[in-house]
C-alpha atoms as a PDB file:
ATOM      1  CA  MET A   1       0.000   0.000   0.000  1.00  0.00           C
ATOM      2  CA  VAL A   2       1.260   3.481  -0.904  1.00  0.00           C
ATOM      3  CA  ASP A   3       1.826   5.826   2.033  1.00  0.00           C
ATOM      4  CA  ARG A   4       2.439   9.571   2.310  1.00  0.00           C
ATOM      5  CA  ASP A   5       6.202   9.371   2.783  1.00  0.00           C
ATOM      6  CA  SER A   6       6.748   7.101  -0.218  1.00  0.00           C
ATOM      7  CA  LEU A   7       4.857   9.568  -2.408  1.00  0.00           C
ATOM      8  CA  LEU A   8       6.428  12.730  -1.077  1.00  0.00           C
ATOM      9  CA  LYS A   9      10.025  11.730  -0.353  1.00  0.00           C
ATOM     10  CA  SER A  10      11.101   8.791  -2.542  1.00  0.00           C
ATOM     11  CA  LYS A  11      11.734  10.791  -5.728  1.00  0.00           C
ATOM     12  CA  PRO A  12      12.438  14.421  -4.910  1.00  0.00           C
ATOM     13  CA  VAL A  13      12.690  17.032  -7.661  1.00  0.00           C
ATOM     14  CA  GLU A  14      16.313  18.161  -7.892  1.00  0.00           C
ATOM     15  CA  PRO A  15      16.587  21.859  -8.821  1.00  0.00           C
ATOM     16  CA  PHE A  16      18.617  22.431 -11.951  1.00  0.00           C
ATOM     17  CA  THR A  17      21.829  24.312 -11.245  1.00  0.00           C
ATOM     18  CA  PRO A  18      23.845  25.518 -14.272  1.00  0.00           C
ATOM     19  CA  SER A  19      27.362  24.142 -14.447  1.00  0.00           C
ATOM     20  CA  PRO A  20      29.808  23.154 -17.211  1.00  0.00           C
ATOM     21  CA  PHE A  21      28.663  19.557 -17.724  1.00  0.00           C
ATOM     22  CA  SER A  22      28.331  17.493 -20.905  1.00  0.00           C
ATOM     23  CA  VAL A  23      25.176  16.983 -22.987  1.00  0.00           C
ATOM     24  CA  SER A  24      24.747  13.530 -21.444  1.00  0.00           C
ATOM     25  CA  GLY A  25      25.198  15.085 -18.018  1.00  0.00           C
ATOM     26  CA  LEU A  26      22.652  17.763 -18.902  1.00  0.00           C
ATOM     27  CA  LEU A  27      20.039  15.146 -19.840  1.00  0.00           C
ATOM     28  CA  GLU A  28      20.765  13.119 -16.706  1.00  0.00           C
ATOM     29  CA  LYS A  29      20.200  16.270 -14.620  1.00  0.00           C
ATOM     30  CA  MET A  30      17.012  17.077 -16.524  1.00  0.00           C
ATOM     31  CA  SER A  31      15.629  13.614 -15.726  1.00  0.00           C
ATOM     32  CA  LYS A  32      15.470  14.671 -12.049  1.00  0.00           C
ATOM     33  CA  THR A  33      13.455  17.838 -12.752  1.00  0.00           C
ATOM     34  CA  ALA A  34       9.872  18.041 -14.043  1.00  0.00           C
ATOM     35  CA  TYR A  35       7.540  18.403 -17.024  1.00  0.00           C
ATOM     36  CA  GLN A  36       8.955  17.790 -20.517  1.00  0.00           C
ATOM     37  CA  GLY A  37      12.549  18.446 -19.487  1.00  0.00           C
ATOM     38  CA  ARG A  38      12.216  15.491 -17.130  1.00  0.00           C
ATOM     39  CA  ARG A  39      10.576  13.394 -19.842  1.00  0.00           C
ATOM     40  CA  LEU A  40      13.402  14.072 -22.300  1.00  0.00           C
ATOM     41  CA  GLY A  41      15.964  13.227 -19.632  1.00  0.00           C
ATOM     42  CA  GLU A  42      14.118   9.995 -18.860  1.00  0.00           C
ATOM     43  CA  ALA A  43      14.011   9.184 -22.576  1.00  0.00           C
ATOM     44  CA  PHE A  44      17.806   9.396 -22.628  1.00  0.00           C
ATOM     45  CA  VAL A  45      18.080   7.090 -19.611  1.00  0.00           C
ATOM     46  CA  ILE A  46      15.826   4.499 -21.311  1.00  0.00           C
ATOM     47  CA  LEU A  47      17.736   4.883 -24.570  1.00  0.00           C
ATOM     48  CA  LYS A  48      20.987   4.034 -22.801  1.00  0.00           C
ATOM     49  CA  LYS A  49      19.404   0.938 -21.246  1.00  0.00           C
ATOM     50  CA  MET A  50      18.099  -0.130 -24.643  1.00  0.00           C
ATOM     51  CA  ILE A  51      21.473   0.241 -26.335  1.00  0.00           C
ATOM     52  CA  THR A  52      23.443  -1.537 -23.630  1.00  0.00           C
ATOM     53  CA  ASP A  53      21.029  -4.502 -23.375  1.00  0.00           C
ATOM     54  CA  ARG A  54      22.638  -7.144 -25.587  1.00  0.00           C
ATOM     55  CA  ASP A  55      19.385  -9.080 -25.963  1.00  0.00           C
ATOM     56  CA  THR A  56      17.470  -6.158 -27.479  1.00  0.00           C
ATOM     57  CA  THR A  57      16.661  -5.483 -31.125  1.00  0.00           C
ATOM     58  CA  ILE A  58      16.147  -1.737 -31.665  1.00  0.00           C
ATOM     59  CA  LEU A  59      13.477  -0.483 -34.069  1.00  0.00           C
ATOM     60  CA  MET A  60      12.744   3.139 -34.926  1.00  0.00           C
ATOM     61  CA  GLY A  61       9.507   4.585 -36.254  1.00  0.00           C
ATOM     62  CA  LEU A  62      10.365   7.835 -38.052  1.00  0.00           C
ATOM     63  CA  ALA A  63       7.482  10.078 -39.111  1.00  0.00           C
ATOM     64  CA  GLY A  64       7.051  13.504 -40.655  1.00  0.00           C
ATOM     65  CA  SER A  65       9.553  15.224 -42.915  1.00  0.00           C
ATOM     66  CA  MET A  66      12.630  15.369 -40.727  1.00  0.00           C
ATOM     67  CA  ALA A  67      15.117  15.161 -43.588  1.00  0.00           C
ATOM     68  CA  THR A  68      14.405  18.722 -44.716  1.00  0.00           C
ATOM     69  CA  ALA A  69      15.408  19.940 -41.241  1.00  0.00           C
ATOM     70  CA  GLY A  70      18.757  18.139 -41.423  1.00  0.00           C
ATOM     71  CA  VAL A  71      17.802  15.396 -38.951  1.00  0.00           C
ATOM     72  CA  TRP A  72      18.650  12.681 -41.512  1.00  0.00           C
ATOM     73  CA  ARG A  73      22.334  12.971 -40.623  1.00  0.00           C
ATOM     74  CA  SER A  74      21.495  11.979 -37.054  1.00  0.00           C
ATOM     75  CA  ILE A  75      19.648   8.900 -38.327  1.00  0.00           C
ATOM     76  CA  THR A  76      22.586   7.839 -40.502  1.00  0.00           C
ATOM     77  CA  TRP A  77      24.842   8.345 -37.471  1.00  0.00           C
ATOM     78  CA  LEU A  78      22.667   6.008 -35.415  1.00  0.00           C
ATOM     79  CA  ILE A  79      22.813   3.408 -38.199  1.00  0.00           C
ATOM     80  CA  ASP A  80      26.567   3.794 -38.744  1.00  0.00           C
ATOM     81  CA  ASN A  81      27.194   3.298 -35.016  1.00  0.00           C
ATOM     82  CA  ASN A  82      25.030   0.155 -34.729  1.00  0.00           C
ATOM     83  CA  TYR A  83      22.349   1.856 -32.619  1.00  0.00           C
ATOM     84  CA  LEU A  84      19.505   0.946 -34.998  1.00  0.00           C
ATOM     85  CA  ASP A  85      18.662  -2.544 -36.233  1.00  0.00           C
ATOM     86  CA  VAL A  86      15.465  -1.706 -38.147  1.00  0.00           C
ATOM     87  CA  LEU A  87      13.978   1.544 -39.443  1.00  0.00           C
ATOM     88  CA  VAL A  88      10.297   2.079 -40.298  1.00  0.00           C
ATOM     89  CA  SER A  89       9.853   5.462 -41.953  1.00  0.00           C
ATOM     90  CA  THR A  90       7.681   7.754 -43.971  1.00  0.00           C
ATOM     91  CA  GLY A  91       8.662   7.976 -47.623  1.00  0.00           C
ATOM     92  CA  ALA A  92       9.562  11.641 -47.198  1.00  0.00           C
ATOM     93  CA  ASN A  93      12.334  10.926 -44.708  1.00  0.00           C
ATOM     94  CA  VAL A  94      14.121   8.477 -47.009  1.00  0.00           C
ATOM     95  CA  SER A  95      13.729  10.490 -50.208  1.00  0.00           C
ATOM     96  CA  GLU A  96      14.207  14.113 -49.186  1.00  0.00           C
ATOM     97  CA  ASP A  97      17.534  13.148 -47.618  1.00  0.00           C
ATOM     98  CA  ILE A  98      18.598  11.987 -51.094  1.00  0.00           C
ATOM     99  CA  TYR A  99      17.879  15.528 -52.329  1.00  0.00           C
ATOM    100  CA  ALA A 100      20.397  16.795 -49.761  1.00  0.00           C
ATOM    101  CA  GLY A 101      22.806  13.934 -50.453  1.00  0.00           C
ATOM    102  CA  LEU A 102      22.902  14.945 -54.117  1.00  0.00           C
ATOM    103  CA  GLY A 103      24.210  18.330 -52.989  1.00  0.00           C
ATOM    104  CA  PHE A 104      20.934  20.180 -53.460  1.00  0.00           C
ATOM    105  CA  PRO A 105      20.603  22.727 -50.634  1.00  0.00           C
ATOM    106  CA  TYR A 106      17.628  23.365 -48.391  1.00  0.00           C
ATOM    107  CA  ALA A 107      17.341  27.061 -47.529  1.00  0.00           C
ATOM    108  CA  ARG A 108      16.085  28.704 -44.344  1.00  0.00           C
ATOM    109  CA  THR A 109      13.309  31.243 -44.739  1.00  0.00           C
ATOM    110  CA  ASN A 110      10.691  33.267 -42.918  1.00  0.00           C
ATOM    111  CA  PRO A 111       7.536  31.099 -42.686  1.00  0.00           C
ATOM    112  CA  CYS A 112       5.433  34.196 -43.405  1.00  0.00           C
ATOM    113  CA  ILE A 113       6.757  34.413 -46.978  1.00  0.00           C
ATOM    114  CA  ASP A 114       4.302  34.796 -49.894  1.00  0.00           C
ATOM    115  CA  ASP A 115       3.531  31.220 -50.998  1.00  0.00           C
ATOM    116  CA  SER A 116       1.934  32.366 -54.275  1.00  0.00           C
ATOM    117  CA  LEU A 117       5.263  33.927 -55.159  1.00  0.00           C
ATOM    118  CA  LEU A 118       7.033  30.679 -54.286  1.00  0.00           C
ATOM    119  CA  LEU A 119       4.654  28.768 -56.557  1.00  0.00           C
ATOM    120  CA  ASP A 120       5.510  31.084 -59.474  1.00  0.00           C
ATOM    121  CA  LEU A 121       9.226  30.646 -58.743  1.00  0.00           C
ATOM    122  CA  LYS A 122       8.884  26.846 -58.470  1.00  0.00           C
ATOM    123  CA  ILE A 123      10.085  26.801 -54.894  1.00  0.00           C
ATOM    124  CA  ASP A 124       8.559  24.401 -52.322  1.00  0.00           C
ATOM    125  CA  ARG A 125       8.154  25.344 -48.646  1.00  0.00           C
ATOM    126  CA  PHE A 126       8.351  23.165 -45.533  1.00  0.00           C
ATOM    127  CA  TYR A 127       7.411  25.674 -42.814  1.00  0.00           C
ATOM    128  CA  ASP A 128      10.701  27.658 -42.596  1.00  0.00           C
ATOM    129  CA  VAL A 129      12.666  25.606 -45.148  1.00  0.00           C
ATOM    130  CA  LEU A 130      12.735  26.009 -48.930  1.00  0.00           C
ATOM    131  CA  ALA A 131      13.540  23.473 -51.656  1.00  0.00           C
ATOM    132  CA  ASP A 132      14.034  23.975 -55.379  1.00  0.00           C
ATOM    133  CA  GLU A 133      11.102  22.240 -57.119  1.00  0.00           C
ATOM    134  CA  LEU A 134      13.192  21.714 -60.250  1.00  0.00           C
ATOM    135  CA  LEU A 135      15.932  19.987 -58.250  1.00  0.00           C
ATOM    136  CA  TYR A 136      13.285  18.022 -56.338  1.00  0.00           C
ATOM    137  CA  ARG A 137      12.174  16.661 -59.716  1.00  0.00           C
ATOM    138  CA  GLU A 138      15.774  15.644 -60.403  1.00  0.00           C
ATOM    139  CA  MET A 139      15.725  13.603 -57.190  1.00  0.00           C
ATOM    140  CA  GLU A 140      12.477  11.940 -58.294  1.00  0.00           C
ATOM    141  CA  LYS A 141      14.023  11.341 -61.724  1.00  0.00           C
ATOM    142  CA  LEU A 142      16.936   9.500 -60.102  1.00  0.00           C
ATOM    143  CA  ILE A 143      14.457   7.230 -58.276  1.00  0.00           C
ATOM    144  CA  MET A 144      12.471   6.703 -61.478  1.00  0.00           C
ATOM    145  CA  GLN A 145      15.608   5.689 -63.379  1.00  0.00           C
ATOM    146  CA  PHE A 146      16.434   3.230 -60.601  1.00  0.00           C
ATOM    147  CA  ILE A 147      12.940   1.720 -60.954  1.00  0.00           C
ATOM    148  CA  LEU A 148      13.429   1.425 -64.724  1.00  0.00           C
ATOM    149  CA  ASP A 149      16.680  -0.463 -64.132  1.00  0.00           C
ATOM    150  CA  LEU A 150      15.084  -3.016 -61.772  1.00  0.00           C
ATOM    151  CA  PRO A 151      13.548  -6.252 -63.064  1.00  0.00           C
ATOM    152  CA  GLU A 152       9.777  -6.120 -62.933  1.00  0.00           C
ATOM    153  CA  GLY A 153       8.403  -8.039 -59.992  1.00  0.00           C
ATOM    154  CA  ILE A 154       7.191  -7.894 -56.422  1.00  0.00           C
ATOM    155  CA  TYR A 155       9.397  -6.398 -53.724  1.00  0.00           C
ATOM    156  CA  SER A 156       8.965  -5.533 -50.087  1.00  0.00           C
ATOM    157  CA  SER A 157       9.864  -1.906 -49.422  1.00  0.00           C
ATOM    158  CA  ALA A 158      12.885  -3.147 -47.456  1.00  0.00           C
ATOM    159  CA  GLU A 159      14.147  -5.107 -50.479  1.00  0.00           C
ATOM    160  CA  PHE A 160      13.487  -2.171 -52.806  1.00  0.00           C
ATOM    161  CA  LEU A 161      15.286   0.336 -50.572  1.00  0.00           C
ATOM    162  CA  TYR A 162      18.189  -2.041 -49.952  1.00  0.00           C
ATOM    163  CA  LEU A 163      18.818  -2.092 -53.694  1.00  0.00           C
ATOM    164  CA  LEU A 164      18.378   1.676 -53.918  1.00  0.00           C
ATOM    165  CA  GLY A 165      20.940   1.994 -51.127  1.00  0.00           C
ATOM    166  CA  ALA A 166      23.337  -0.079 -53.225  1.00  0.00           C
ATOM    167  CA  ARG A 167      22.778   2.242 -56.213  1.00  0.00           C
ATOM    168  CA  LEU A 168      23.303   5.384 -54.127  1.00  0.00           C
ATOM    169  CA  ASP A 169      26.396   3.870 -52.512  1.00  0.00           C
ATOM    170  CA  SER A 170      27.909   3.245 -55.933  1.00  0.00           C
ATOM    171  CA  LEU A 171      27.110   6.838 -56.911  1.00  0.00           C
ATOM    172  CA  GLY A 172      28.658   8.226 -53.733  1.00  0.00           C
ATOM    173  CA  VAL A 173      25.363   9.757 -52.551  1.00  0.00           C
ATOM    174  CA  PRO A 174      25.038   9.808 -48.761  1.00  0.00           C
ATOM    175  CA  SER A 175      21.550   9.077 -47.424  1.00  0.00           C
ATOM    176  CA  ILE A 176      19.702   7.021 -44.839  1.00  0.00           C
ATOM    177  CA  VAL A 177      19.250   4.068 -47.208  1.00  0.00           C
ATOM    178  CA  THR A 178      22.928   4.301 -48.241  1.00  0.00           C
ATOM    179  CA  SER A 179      24.015   3.819 -44.622  1.00  0.00           C
ATOM    180  CA  ALA A 180      21.326   1.158 -44.144  1.00  0.00           C
ATOM    181  CA  TYR A 181      22.621  -0.759 -47.191  1.00  0.00           C
ATOM    182  CA  ARG A 182      26.168  -0.738 -45.841  1.00  0.00           C
ATOM    183  CA  LYS A 183      25.032  -1.995 -42.429  1.00  0.00           C
ATOM    184  CA  LYS A 184      22.284  -4.293 -43.787  1.00  0.00           C
ATOM    185  CA  VAL A 185      19.643  -2.478 -41.745  1.00  0.00           C
ATOM    186  CA  PRO A 186      16.153  -3.140 -43.158  1.00  0.00           C
ATOM    187  CA  VAL A 187      14.245   0.062 -43.958  1.00  0.00           C
ATOM    188  CA  PHE A 188      10.496  -0.383 -44.264  1.00  0.00           C
ATOM    189  CA  VAL A 189       8.191   2.321 -45.644  1.00  0.00           C
ATOM    190  CA  PRO A 190       4.606   1.144 -45.126  1.00  0.00           C
ATOM    191  CA  ALA A 191       3.109   4.118 -47.024  1.00  0.00           C
ATOM    192  CA  ILE A 192       5.814   4.501 -49.652  1.00  0.00           C
ATOM    193  CA  VAL A 193       3.503   5.919 -52.333  1.00  0.00           C
ATOM    194  CA  ASP A 194       2.949   8.975 -50.110  1.00  0.00           C
ATOM    195  CA  SER A 195       6.243  10.561 -51.195  1.00  0.00           C
ATOM    196  CA  GLY A 196       8.534  11.134 -54.147  1.00  0.00           C
ATOM    197  CA  TYR A 197       8.611   7.350 -54.567  1.00  0.00           C
ATOM    198  CA  GLY A 198       4.950   7.412 -55.555  1.00  0.00           C
ATOM    199  CA  ILE A 199       5.596  10.137 -58.139  1.00  0.00           C
ATOM    200  CA  ALA A 200       8.659   8.318 -59.487  1.00  0.00           C
ATOM    201  CA  ALA A 201       6.830   4.968 -59.757  1.00  0.00           C
ATOM    202  CA  LEU A 202       3.856   6.574 -61.481  1.00  0.00           C
ATOM    203  CA  GLN A 203       6.093   8.243 -64.049  1.00  0.00           C
ATOM    204  CA  ALA A 204       7.925   4.969 -64.653  1.00  0.00           C
ATOM    205  CA  LEU A 205       4.569   3.301 -65.298  1.00  0.00           C
ATOM    206  CA  ARG A 206       2.841   5.998 -67.357  1.00  0.00           C
ATOM    207  CA  LEU A 207       5.825   7.239 -69.360  1.00  0.00           C
ATOM    208  CA  HIS A 208       7.782   4.006 -69.787  1.00  0.00           C
ATOM    209  CA  GLY A 209       5.340   1.177 -69.107  1.00  0.00           C
ATOM    210  CA  LYS A 210       7.466  -0.131 -66.232  1.00  0.00           C
ATOM    211  CA  LYS A 211       5.406  -1.806 -63.532  1.00  0.00           C
ATOM    212  CA  LEU A 212       6.881  -2.454 -60.114  1.00  0.00           C
ATOM    213  CA  ILE A 213       4.903  -3.761 -57.130  1.00  0.00           C
ATOM    214  CA  ILE A 214       5.776  -2.965 -53.520  1.00  0.00           C
ATOM    215  CA  ASP A 215       4.029  -5.603 -51.426  1.00  0.00           C
ATOM    216  CA  GLN A 216       3.017  -4.056 -48.095  1.00  0.00           C
ATOM    217  CA  PHE A 217       1.830  -7.418 -46.743  1.00  0.00           C
ATOM    218  CA  LYS A 218       5.288  -8.841 -47.440  1.00  0.00           C
ATOM    219  CA  ASP A 219       6.676  -5.825 -45.565  1.00  0.00           C
ATOM    220  CA  PHE A 220       4.650  -6.606 -42.496  1.00  0.00           C
ATOM    221  CA  ASP A 221       5.456 -10.310 -42.589  1.00  0.00           C
ATOM    222  CA  GLN A 222       9.189  -9.562 -42.734  1.00  0.00           C
ATOM    223  CA  LEU A 223       8.933  -7.003 -39.941  1.00  0.00           C
ATOM    224  CA  VAL A 224       6.948  -9.328 -37.672  1.00  0.00           C
ATOM    225  CA  ARG A 225       9.431 -12.157 -38.306  1.00  0.00           C
ATOM    226  CA  ILE A 226      12.228  -9.855 -37.128  1.00  0.00           C
ATOM    227  CA  VAL A 227      10.325  -9.166 -33.912  1.00  0.00           C
ATOM    228  CA  GLU A 228       9.555 -12.883 -33.464  1.00  0.00           C
ATOM    229  CA  GLU A 229      13.268 -13.701 -33.778  1.00  0.00           C
ATOM    230  CA  SER A 230      14.212 -11.144 -31.131  1.00  0.00           C
ATOM    231  CA  ILE A 231      14.585 -11.955 -27.445  1.00  0.00           C
ATOM    232  CA  LYS A 232      13.577  -8.390 -26.579  1.00  0.00           C
ATOM    233  CA  THR A 233      12.623  -5.364 -28.647  1.00  0.00           C
ATOM    234  CA  GLY A 234      13.164  -1.691 -27.952  1.00  0.00           C
ATOM    235  CA  VAL A 235      11.328   0.976 -29.941  1.00  0.00           C
ATOM    236  CA  ILE A 236      12.043   4.646 -30.625  1.00  0.00           C
ATOM    237  CA  TYR A 237       9.200   6.712 -32.033  1.00  0.00           C
ATOM    238  CA  ILE A 238       9.968  10.035 -33.662  1.00  0.00           C
ATOM    239  CA  GLY A 239       6.491  11.437 -34.269  1.00  0.00           C
ATOM    240  CA  GLY A 240       3.646   9.023 -34.869  1.00  0.00           C
ATOM    241  CA  GLY A 241       1.546   8.088 -37.859  1.00  0.00           C
ATOM    242  CA  VAL A 242       1.927   4.939 -39.915  1.00  0.00           C
ATOM    243  CA  PRO A 243       5.559   4.169 -38.928  1.00  0.00           C
ATOM    244  CA  LYS A 244       4.719   4.174 -35.222  1.00  0.00           C
ATOM    245  CA  ASP A 245       1.591   2.066 -35.508  1.00  0.00           C
ATOM    246  CA  THR A 246       3.257  -0.428 -37.841  1.00  0.00           C
ATOM    247  CA  VAL A 247       5.994  -1.029 -35.269  1.00  0.00           C
ATOM    248  CA  GLN A 248       3.412  -1.153 -32.473  1.00  0.00           C
ATOM    249  CA  LEU A 249       1.361  -3.766 -34.330  1.00  0.00           C
ATOM    250  CA  THR A 250       4.321  -6.118 -34.571  1.00  0.00           C
ATOM    251  CA  ALA A 251       3.985  -6.740 -30.819  1.00  0.00           C
ATOM    252  CA  VAL A 252       0.278  -7.530 -31.217  1.00  0.00           C
ATOM    253  CA  ALA A 253       0.963  -9.788 -34.213  1.00  0.00           C
ATOM    254  CA  LYS A 254       3.679 -11.680 -32.333  1.00  0.00           C
ATOM    255  CA  SER A 255       1.355 -12.437 -29.417  1.00  0.00           C
ATOM    256  CA  LEU A 256      -1.533 -13.513 -31.687  1.00  0.00           C
ATOM    257  CA  LEU A 257       0.709 -15.825 -33.701  1.00  0.00           C
ATOM    258  CA  LYS A 258       1.983 -17.314 -30.454  1.00  0.00           C
ATOM    259  CA  LEU A 259      -1.628 -17.910 -29.387  1.00  0.00           C
ATOM    260  CA  HIS A 260      -2.422 -19.764 -32.634  1.00  0.00           C
ATOM    261  CA  LYS A 261       0.786 -21.823 -32.571  1.00  0.00           C
ATOM    262  CA  GLU A 262       1.097 -22.615 -28.877  1.00  0.00           C
ATOM    263  CA  GLY A 263      -2.329 -21.852 -27.429  1.00  0.00           C
ATOM    264  CA  VAL A 264      -0.752 -19.280 -25.098  1.00  0.00           C
ATOM    265  CA  ASP A 265      -2.717 -16.024 -24.852  1.00  0.00           C
ATOM    266  CA  LYS A 266      -0.039 -13.781 -23.380  1.00  0.00           C
ATOM    267  CA  PRO A 267       1.044 -10.267 -24.456  1.00  0.00           C
ATOM    268  CA  THR A 268       4.527  -9.856 -25.954  1.00  0.00           C
ATOM    269  CA  PRO A 269       5.018  -6.072 -25.704  1.00  0.00           C
ATOM    270  CA  HIS A 270       8.102  -4.123 -26.720  1.00  0.00           C
ATOM    271  CA  TYR A 271      10.359  -4.181 -23.651  1.00  0.00           C
ATOM    272  CA  TYR A 272      11.752  -0.649 -24.011  1.00  0.00           C
ATOM    273  CA  ALA A 273       9.980   2.349 -25.558  1.00  0.00           C
ATOM    274  CA  VAL A 274      10.878   5.992 -26.151  1.00  0.00           C
ATOM    275  CA  GLN A 275       8.500   8.415 -27.833  1.00  0.00           C
ATOM    276  CA  ILE A 276       9.289  11.949 -29.038  1.00  0.00           C
ATOM    277  CA  THR A 277       6.200  13.755 -30.293  1.00  0.00           C
ATOM    278  CA  THR A 278       4.411  17.091 -30.164  1.00  0.00           C
ATOM    279  CA  ASP A 279       0.940  15.667 -30.822  1.00  0.00           C
ATOM    280  CA  SER A 280      -1.736  15.645 -28.134  1.00  0.00           C
ATOM    281  CA  GLU A 281      -3.404  12.503 -26.817  1.00  0.00           C
ATOM    282  CA  TYR A 282      -6.876  13.982 -26.368  1.00  0.00           C
ATOM    283  CA  TRP A 283      -7.599  14.138 -30.127  1.00  0.00           C
ATOM    284  CA  GLY A 284      -7.727  10.352 -30.152  1.00  0.00           C
ATOM    285  CA  GLY A 285      -5.125   9.912 -32.906  1.00  0.00           C
ATOM    286  CA  LEU A 286      -2.281   7.432 -32.807  1.00  0.00           C
ATOM    287  CA  SER A 287       0.387  10.125 -33.229  1.00  0.00           C
ATOM    288  CA  GLY A 288      -0.485  11.634 -29.866  1.00  0.00           C
ATOM    289  CA  ALA A 289      -1.378   8.406 -28.076  1.00  0.00           C
ATOM    290  CA  THR A 290       0.651   7.897 -24.930  1.00  0.00           C
ATOM    291  CA  LEU A 291       2.831   4.892 -24.286  1.00  0.00           C
ATOM    292  CA  GLU A 292       0.634   4.227 -21.264  1.00  0.00           C
ATOM    293  CA  GLU A 293      -2.324   3.771 -23.631  1.00  0.00           C
ATOM    294  CA  ALA A 294      -0.259   1.310 -25.649  1.00  0.00           C
ATOM    295  CA  VAL A 295       0.055  -0.867 -22.537  1.00  0.00           C
ATOM    296  CA  SER A 296      -3.670  -1.713 -22.832  1.00  0.00           C
ATOM    297  CA  TRP A 297      -3.054  -3.159 -26.300  1.00  0.00           C
ATOM    298  CA  GLY A 298      -0.034  -5.189 -25.241  1.00  0.00           C
ATOM    299  CA  LYS A 299       2.170  -3.047 -27.487  1.00  0.00           C
ATOM    300  CA  VAL A 300       4.510  -1.635 -24.841  1.00  0.00           C
ATOM    301  CA  ALA A 301       5.605  -2.881 -21.417  1.00  0.00           C
ATOM    302  CA  GLU A 302       4.539  -0.826 -18.420  1.00  0.00           C
ATOM    303  CA  GLU A 303       8.127  -0.303 -17.285  1.00  0.00           C
ATOM    304  CA  ASN A 304      11.111   1.053 -19.222  1.00  0.00           C
ATOM    305  CA  SER A 305       9.216   3.637 -21.244  1.00  0.00           C
ATOM    306  CA  ALA A 306       9.525   7.402 -21.602  1.00  0.00           C
ATOM    307  CA  ASP A 307       7.141   9.702 -23.457  1.00  0.00           C
ATOM    308  CA  ALA A 308       8.540  13.185 -24.171  1.00  0.00           C
ATOM    309  CA  ARG A 309       6.345  15.869 -25.754  1.00  0.00           C
ATOM    310  CA  VAL A 310       9.235  17.685 -27.398  1.00  0.00           C
ATOM    311  CA  ASP A 311       9.956  18.916 -30.925  1.00  0.00           C
ATOM    312  CA  ALA A 312      12.103  16.243 -32.590  1.00  0.00           C
ATOM    313  CA  THR A 313      14.416  18.901 -34.033  1.00  0.00           C
ATOM    314  CA  ILE A 314      15.298  19.780 -30.416  1.00  0.00           C
ATOM    315  CA  ALA A 315      15.268  16.286 -28.922  1.00  0.00           C
ATOM    316  CA  ILE A 316      17.215  14.340 -31.566  1.00  0.00           C
ATOM    317  CA  PRO A 317      20.342  16.555 -31.641  1.00  0.00           C
ATOM    318  CA  LEU A 318      20.519  16.426 -27.834  1.00  0.00           C
ATOM    319  CA  LEU A 319      20.006  12.668 -27.624  1.00  0.00           C
ATOM    320  CA  VAL A 320      22.483  11.709 -30.350  1.00  0.00           C
ATOM    321  CA  SER A 321      25.075  14.197 -29.069  1.00  0.00           C
ATOM    322  CA  ALA A 322      24.796  12.645 -25.616  1.00  0.00           C
ATOM    323  CA  LEU A 323      25.220   9.156 -27.085  1.00  0.00           C
ATOM    324  CA  GLU A 324      28.221  10.323 -29.100  1.00  0.00           C
ATOM    325  CA  GLU A 325      29.871  11.509 -25.885  1.00  0.00           C
ATOM    326  CA  LEU A 326      29.392   8.156 -24.201  1.00  0.00           C
ATOM    327  CA  LYS A 327      30.666   6.180 -27.207  1.00  0.00           C
ATOM    328  CA  ILE A 328      28.788   3.029 -26.203  1.00  0.00           C
ATOM    329  CA  GLN A 329      29.942   0.045 -28.265  1.00  0.00           C
ATOM    330  CA  ARG A 330      27.061  -2.088 -29.528  1.00  0.00           C
ATOM    331  CA  GLU A 331      26.955  -5.159 -31.723  1.00  0.00           C
ATOM    332  CA  LYS A 332      23.891  -4.716 -33.917  1.00  0.00           C
ATOM    333  CA  LYS A 333      21.405  -7.455 -34.633  1.00  0.00           C
ATOM    334  CA  THR A 334      21.613  -8.725 -38.201  1.00  0.00           C
ATOM    335  CA  PHE A 335      18.621  -9.702 -40.310  1.00  0.00           C
ATOM    336  CA  GLY A 336      20.310 -10.266 -43.661  1.00  0.00           C
ATOM    337  CA  TRP A 337      17.720 -12.867 -44.612  1.00  0.00           C
ATOM    338  CA  VAL A 338      15.360  -9.975 -45.437  1.00  0.00           C
ATOM    339  CA  PHE A 339      17.484  -9.280 -48.534  1.00  0.00           C
ATOM    340  CA  ARG A 340      18.135 -12.889 -49.561  1.00  0.00           C
ATOM    341  CA  GLU A 341      15.784 -12.818 -52.561  1.00  0.00           C
ATOM    342  CA  VAL A 342      17.314  -9.625 -54.022  1.00  0.00           C
ATOM    343  CA  GLU A 343      20.977 -10.050 -53.089  1.00  0.00           C
ATOM    344  CA  GLY A 344      21.713 -11.276 -56.608  1.00  0.00           C
ATOM    345  CA  LEU A 345      20.569  -7.932 -58.042  1.00  0.00           C
ATOM    346  CA  VAL A 346      23.057  -5.795 -56.107  1.00  0.00           C
ATOM    347  CA  ASP A 347      25.819  -5.891 -58.719  1.00  0.00           C
ATOM    348  CA  LYS A 348      23.287  -5.207 -61.469  1.00  0.00           C
ATOM    349  CA  VAL A 349      21.995  -2.019 -59.849  1.00  0.00           C
ATOM    350  CA  LYS A 350      25.484  -0.895 -58.849  1.00  0.00           C
ATOM    351  CA  ASN A 351      26.866  -1.149 -62.356  1.00  0.00           C
ATOM    352  CA  LYS A 352      24.191   0.988 -64.001  1.00  0.00           C
END
């Protein structure tokens, strides 16, 4: 039974006193304060546990259009340093980074600029960031040409993006899928048509008669098999949307499959969970849903979770900088079997 002293004295708020400590030290201090500063600090503490637990496979759900803000370099850093085993992303995040990787600049602007003027000038706006529409089309053209060079058939998005990573690697274009290809990290995009990939695939079909099928059911089967193979899973959600819910559903799928195979009706939630979002829970949408709510579905364990309502462009630089300071060595989990069916195409796409 909870008593007064345990509530009032067991976890005192520790006032934040400025001093010359590191980013990791800053986050540790913040975890003893309150409100969203505390939540971000707690997210860092959970992230460290996740990375140092050798039994844990780490999956990230990456939503929104973070690449235009420069966040994509932080994601490639996480991949390069073995801190991510699987990425589930929006199409924007793994296409608009290619725009930057090609050397096309994003420009900062005042968000109150005249958008009709931008339309006339063929300039696209992402809040306070500008992109050249003509160069954006060049990025989509590169993806279209890659599609034209692939054999027609059925691919999971992870297989498709693995081969694209091989192409970009051969071209010397840095990007999330380039790093993922080098590390054999599966990248799933469960709504891939909602991006430049959709435009590129449509042009390949309508202008050149090239038909390529991305099988989203194959995606989910591969992703669930990864979770089934894992002793534990840890999840990092940047934003919400389809990437978050797809990763969440893998825990539900694992438990249901276990029920059908073994007759055991027991939840198999993700063991660790960190969420960074600015959405609100009271609208009822998944993007703002708390990790506590996910407990009711068996998606997340009650312990070892941290839910920070913080802009990702603030949270991610702090979190990855803190990890860089600590230089934690981690041996990533490998799921090379995801690419087994397309491995024979790597040389073909590289030599184009």
